Amino acid sequence: MSTRPPVTAYIGLGANLGQAAQTLRWAVAQMAQWPGVQVQAVSDLYRTAPFEAQGPDFVNAVAALHTPQTAPDLLQNLLALELQAGRERPYRNAPRTLDLDLLLYGHASISSPHLTVPHPRMHERAFVLVPLAQIAPALVTPDALRDVKNQAVSKLESWG
């Protein structure tokens, strides 16, 4: 059995139900326990108003993982964590206990019925771009940040 070379994947984390900040910390701790995965960086926590959704404000962050998992396997593991955190999907963009999005997977471009990487709407969302720019500034252009400047994002607390 051959081992895959690790890839850096960026995960968007969000929650607006329950103890959102605590849930995001729990999710990153769970990812760090996956075989072969190293958490390389985690942004600060940010508070954002719901975007194309309703409910309480969100707590958001972005994590960089060094992972040997394939993109589809990583997505399945992220979805499993959402379920463990009590995520329900009663309707599109419903409030949620945990939302995990695979934003980037190395330099891969993936388009399948179940997975699109880079995440197709990440460049429209300040709650993704601001924390991503914090941990990987080379991945976010000043123009991209300017395009979402009208979406309120405020630093809630440092990760550490």
C-alpha atoms as a PDB file:
ATOM      1  CA  MET A   1       0.000   0.000   0.000  1.00  0.00           C
ATOM      2  CA  SER A   2       1.500   3.325  -1.039  1.00  0.00           C
ATOM      3  CA  THR A   3       1.042   6.480   0.953  1.00  0.00           C
ATOM      4  CA  ARG A   4      -0.113   9.705  -0.635  1.00  0.00           C
ATOM      5  CA  PRO A   5       2.025  12.788  -0.327  1.00  0.00           C
ATOM      6  CA  PRO A   6       0.325  15.236   2.041  1.00  0.00           C
ATOM      7  CA  VAL A   7      -1.562  18.200   0.612  1.00  0.00           C
ATOM      8  CA  THR A   8      -2.404  21.496   2.273  1.00  0.00           C
ATOM      9  CA  ALA A   9      -6.157  21.893   2.466  1.00  0.00           C
ATOM     10  CA  TYR A  10      -8.018  24.947   3.745  1.00  0.00           C
ATOM     11  CA  ILE A  11     -11.216  24.389   5.699  1.00  0.00           C
ATOM     12  CA  GLY A  12     -13.834  27.065   6.366  1.00  0.00           C
ATOM     13  CA  LEU A  13     -15.484  26.676   9.765  1.00  0.00           C
ATOM     14  CA  GLY A  14     -18.697  28.334  10.883  1.00  0.00           C
ATOM     15  CA  ALA A  15     -21.487  27.992  13.417  1.00  0.00           C
ATOM     16  CA  ASN A  16     -24.384  30.126  14.617  1.00  0.00           C
ATOM     17  CA  LEU A  17     -26.210  27.806  17.013  1.00  0.00           C
ATOM     18  CA  GLY A  18     -25.174  26.625  20.450  1.00  0.00           C
ATOM     19  CA  GLN A  19     -21.685  27.372  21.767  1.00  0.00           C
ATOM     20  CA  ALA A  20     -20.305  28.330  18.352  1.00  0.00           C
ATOM     21  CA  ALA A  21     -16.723  29.230  19.311  1.00  0.00           C
ATOM     22  CA  GLN A  22     -16.407  26.116  21.465  1.00  0.00           C
ATOM     23  CA  THR A  23     -17.758  23.970  18.627  1.00  0.00           C
ATOM     24  CA  LEU A  24     -15.204  25.366  16.162  1.00  0.00           C
ATOM     25  CA  ARG A  25     -12.390  24.626  18.624  1.00  0.00           C
ATOM     26  CA  TRP A  26     -13.758  21.095  19.089  1.00  0.00           C
ATOM     27  CA  ALA A  27     -13.880  20.547  15.311  1.00  0.00           C
ATOM     28  CA  VAL A  28     -10.248  21.592  14.826  1.00  0.00           C
ATOM     29  CA  ALA A  29      -9.194  19.342  17.725  1.00  0.00           C
ATOM     30  CA  GLN A  30     -11.023  16.431  16.059  1.00  0.00           C
ATOM     31  CA  MET A  31      -9.316  17.093  12.704  1.00  0.00           C
ATOM     32  CA  ALA A  32      -5.925  17.132  14.455  1.00  0.00           C
ATOM     33  CA  GLN A  33      -6.601  13.559  15.616  1.00  0.00           C
ATOM     34  CA  TRP A  34      -7.149  12.169  12.126  1.00  0.00           C
ATOM     35  CA  PRO A  35      -4.307   9.858  11.038  1.00  0.00           C
ATOM     36  CA  GLY A  36      -1.525  11.734   9.292  1.00  0.00           C
ATOM     37  CA  VAL A  37      -3.220  15.142   9.609  1.00  0.00           C
ATOM     38  CA  GLN A  38      -1.358  18.152  10.976  1.00  0.00           C
ATOM     39  CA  VAL A  39      -3.150  21.401  11.694  1.00  0.00           C
ATOM     40  CA  GLN A  40      -0.756  23.973  10.232  1.00  0.00           C
ATOM     41  CA  ALA A  41      -2.627  27.145  11.149  1.00  0.00           C
ATOM     42  CA  VAL A  42      -5.979  28.392  12.390  1.00  0.00           C
ATOM     43  CA  SER A  43      -7.206  31.946  11.971  1.00  0.00           C
ATOM     44  CA  ASP A  44      -8.676  34.038  14.718  1.00  0.00           C
ATOM     45  CA  LEU A  45     -12.394  33.689  15.332  1.00  0.00           C
ATOM     46  CA  TYR A  46     -14.579  36.243  13.566  1.00  0.00           C
ATOM     47  CA  ARG A  47     -18.193  37.279  14.096  1.00  0.00           C
ATOM     48  CA  THR A  48     -20.215  37.785  10.935  1.00  0.00           C
ATOM     49  CA  ALA A  49     -23.835  38.444  10.098  1.00  0.00           C
ATOM     50  CA  PRO A  50     -25.580  35.588   8.276  1.00  0.00           C
ATOM     51  CA  PHE A  51     -24.829  35.736   4.552  1.00  0.00           C
ATOM     52  CA  GLU A  52     -27.696  34.587   2.340  1.00  0.00           C
ATOM     53  CA  ALA A  53     -29.106  33.007   5.506  1.00  0.00           C
ATOM     54  CA  GLN A  54     -31.071  33.844   8.626  1.00  0.00           C
ATOM     55  CA  GLY A  55     -30.554  33.399  12.334  1.00  0.00           C
ATOM     56  CA  PRO A  56     -27.998  34.586  14.868  1.00  0.00           C
ATOM     57  CA  ASP A  57     -24.567  35.910  13.916  1.00  0.00           C
ATOM     58  CA  PHE A  58     -21.973  33.338  12.922  1.00  0.00           C
ATOM     59  CA  VAL A  59     -18.590  32.598  14.394  1.00  0.00           C
ATOM     60  CA  ASN A  60     -16.169  31.798  11.555  1.00  0.00           C
ATOM     61  CA  ALA A  61     -12.558  30.733  11.100  1.00  0.00           C
ATOM     62  CA  VAL A  62     -10.325  29.038   8.543  1.00  0.00           C
ATOM     63  CA  ALA A  63      -7.915  26.187   9.259  1.00  0.00           C
ATOM     64  CA  ALA A  64      -5.006  24.917   7.164  1.00  0.00           C
ATOM     65  CA  LEU A  65      -4.500  21.172   7.319  1.00  0.00           C
ATOM     66  CA  HIS A  66      -1.586  19.138   6.018  1.00  0.00           C
ATOM     67  CA  THR A  67      -3.387  15.914   5.079  1.00  0.00           C
ATOM     68  CA  PRO A  68      -2.742  12.652   3.247  1.00  0.00           C
ATOM     69  CA  GLN A  69      -6.499  12.229   2.674  1.00  0.00           C
ATOM     70  CA  THR A  70      -7.974  12.514  -0.793  1.00  0.00           C
ATOM     71  CA  ALA A  71     -10.316  15.456  -1.296  1.00  0.00           C
ATOM     72  CA  PRO A  72     -13.443  13.208  -1.375  1.00  0.00           C
ATOM     73  CA  ASP A  73     -12.316  11.409   1.794  1.00  0.00           C
ATOM     74  CA  LEU A  74     -11.619  14.712   3.511  1.00  0.00           C
ATOM     75  CA  LEU A  75     -15.064  15.983   2.551  1.00  0.00           C
ATOM     76  CA  GLN A  76     -16.692  12.844   3.988  1.00  0.00           C
ATOM     77  CA  ASN A  77     -14.776  13.278   7.237  1.00  0.00           C
ATOM     78  CA  LEU A  78     -15.854  16.933   7.439  1.00  0.00           C
ATOM     79  CA  LEU A  79     -19.492  15.964   6.895  1.00  0.00           C
ATOM     80  CA  ALA A  80     -19.183  13.307   9.611  1.00  0.00           C
ATOM     81  CA  LEU A  81     -17.886  15.959  12.042  1.00  0.00           C
ATOM     82  CA  GLU A  82     -20.863  18.171  11.206  1.00  0.00           C
ATOM     83  CA  LEU A  83     -23.196  15.295  12.074  1.00  0.00           C
ATOM     84  CA  GLN A  84     -21.350  14.625  15.340  1.00  0.00           C
ATOM     85  CA  ALA A  85     -21.883  18.284  16.229  1.00  0.00           C
ATOM     86  CA  GLY A  86     -25.630  17.930  15.635  1.00  0.00           C
ATOM     87  CA  ARG A  87     -25.811  19.586  12.220  1.00  0.00           C
ATOM     88  CA  GLU A  88     -29.237  19.389  10.655  1.00  0.00           C
ATOM     89  CA  ARG A  89     -30.204  20.532   7.179  1.00  0.00           C
ATOM     90  CA  PRO A  90     -33.936  21.294   7.310  1.00  0.00           C
ATOM     91  CA  TYR A  91     -33.587  23.831   4.460  1.00  0.00           C
ATOM     92  CA  ARG A  92     -30.883  25.587   2.442  1.00  0.00           C
ATOM     93  CA  ASN A  93     -28.714  27.901   4.557  1.00  0.00           C
ATOM     94  CA  ALA A  94     -30.506  26.994   7.789  1.00  0.00           C
ATOM     95  CA  PRO A  95     -28.845  28.027  11.064  1.00  0.00           C
ATOM     96  CA  ARG A  96     -26.263  25.428  12.022  1.00  0.00           C
ATOM     97  CA  THR A  97     -24.310  24.003  14.913  1.00  0.00           C
ATOM     98  CA  LEU A  98     -21.316  23.434  12.616  1.00  0.00           C
ATOM     99  CA  ASP A  99     -20.540  24.101   8.968  1.00  0.00           C
ATOM    100  CA  LEU A 100     -17.287  22.834   7.471  1.00  0.00           C
ATOM    101  CA  ASP A 101     -16.368  23.688   3.884  1.00  0.00           C
ATOM    102  CA  LEU A 102     -13.429  22.365   1.907  1.00  0.00           C
ATOM    103  CA  LEU A 103     -12.236  25.642   0.403  1.00  0.00           C
ATOM    104  CA  LEU A 104      -8.964  24.641  -1.259  1.00  0.00           C
ATOM    105  CA  TYR A 105      -7.162  21.331  -1.694  1.00  0.00           C
ATOM    106  CA  GLY A 106      -3.583  22.024  -2.722  1.00  0.00           C
ATOM    107  CA  HIS A 107      -3.633  23.358  -6.268  1.00  0.00           C
ATOM    108  CA  ALA A 108      -6.403  20.969  -7.310  1.00  0.00           C
ATOM    109  CA  SER A 109      -9.383  21.943  -9.371  1.00  0.00           C
ATOM    110  CA  ILE A 110     -12.205  19.477  -8.763  1.00  0.00           C
ATOM    111  CA  SER A 111     -15.682  19.506 -10.228  1.00  0.00           C
ATOM    112  CA  SER A 112     -17.942  16.595  -9.373  1.00  0.00           C
ATOM    113  CA  PRO A 113     -21.582  16.256  -8.338  1.00  0.00           C
ATOM    114  CA  HIS A 114     -20.481  16.116  -4.676  1.00  0.00           C
ATOM    115  CA  LEU A 115     -17.421  18.361  -4.525  1.00  0.00           C
ATOM    116  CA  THR A 116     -16.206  21.536  -6.163  1.00  0.00           C
ATOM    117  CA  VAL A 117     -12.746  22.864  -5.313  1.00  0.00           C
ATOM    118  CA  PRO A 118     -11.882  25.683  -5.082  1.00  0.00           C
ATOM    119  CA  HIS A 119     -15.112  26.336  -3.224  1.00  0.00           C
ATOM    120  CA  PRO A 120     -17.298  28.030  -5.852  1.00  0.00           C
ATOM    121  CA  ARG A 121     -18.519  30.907  -3.667  1.00  0.00           C
ATOM    122  CA  MET A 122     -15.547  31.546  -1.403  1.00  0.00           C
ATOM    123  CA  HIS A 123     -14.545  34.737  -3.245  1.00  0.00           C
ATOM    124  CA  GLU A 124     -17.991  36.235  -2.562  1.00  0.00           C
ATOM    125  CA  ARG A 125     -17.763  35.804   1.198  1.00  0.00           C
ATOM    126  CA  ALA A 126     -15.878  38.019   3.609  1.00  0.00           C
ATOM    127  CA  PHE A 127     -16.337  35.410   6.348  1.00  0.00           C
ATOM    128  CA  VAL A 128     -14.046  33.147   4.301  1.00  0.00           C
ATOM    129  CA  LEU A 129     -11.645  35.653   2.768  1.00  0.00           C
ATOM    130  CA  VAL A 130     -10.782  37.630   5.915  1.00  0.00           C
ATOM    131  CA  PRO A 131      -9.700  34.610   8.009  1.00  0.00           C
ATOM    132  CA  LEU A 132      -8.058  32.958   4.976  1.00  0.00           C
ATOM    133  CA  ALA A 133      -6.035  36.121   4.339  1.00  0.00           C
ATOM    134  CA  GLN A 134      -4.895  36.047   7.957  1.00  0.00           C
ATOM    135  CA  ILE A 135      -3.295  32.584   7.688  1.00  0.00           C
ATOM    136  CA  ALA A 136      -2.476  32.488   3.953  1.00  0.00           C
ATOM    137  CA  PRO A 137      -2.185  36.064   2.665  1.00  0.00           C
ATOM    138  CA  ALA A 138      -0.790  34.972  -0.694  1.00  0.00           C
ATOM    139  CA  LEU A 139      -4.093  33.224  -1.459  1.00  0.00           C
ATOM    140  CA  VAL A 140      -6.295  36.325  -1.142  1.00  0.00           C
ATOM    141  CA  THR A 141      -5.823  39.338  -3.372  1.00  0.00           C
ATOM    142  CA  PRO A 142      -6.443  42.886  -2.173  1.00  0.00           C
ATOM    143  CA  ASP A 143      -9.091  43.160  -4.921  1.00  0.00           C
ATOM    144  CA  ALA A 144     -10.937  40.146  -3.507  1.00  0.00           C
ATOM    145  CA  LEU A 145     -10.999  41.725  -0.038  1.00  0.00           C
ATOM    146  CA  ARG A 146     -12.139  45.034  -1.521  1.00  0.00           C
ATOM    147  CA  ASP A 147     -15.006  43.265  -3.296  1.00  0.00           C
ATOM    148  CA  VAL A 148     -16.437  42.014   0.025  1.00  0.00           C
ATOM    149  CA  LYS A 149     -15.674  45.050   2.196  1.00  0.00           C
ATOM    150  CA  ASN A 150     -19.387  45.793   2.684  1.00  0.00           C
ATOM    151  CA  GLN A 151     -19.887  42.495   4.514  1.00  0.00           C
ATOM    152  CA  ALA A 152     -19.308  43.118   8.215  1.00  0.00           C
ATOM    153  CA  VAL A 153     -16.630  40.945   9.787  1.00  0.00           C
ATOM    154  CA  SER A 154     -15.303  41.617  13.266  1.00  0.00           C
ATOM    155  CA  LYS A 155     -12.545  39.825  15.133  1.00  0.00           C
ATOM    156  CA  LEU A 156     -14.071  37.981  18.046  1.00  0.00           C
ATOM    157  CA  GLU A 157     -11.025  36.425  19.676  1.00  0.00           C
ATOM    158  CA  SER A 158      -7.641  34.944  18.931  1.00  0.00           C
ATOM    159  CA  TRP A 159      -7.476  31.216  18.421  1.00  0.00           C
ATOM    160  CA  GLY A 160      -4.816  30.646  21.049  1.00  0.00           C
END
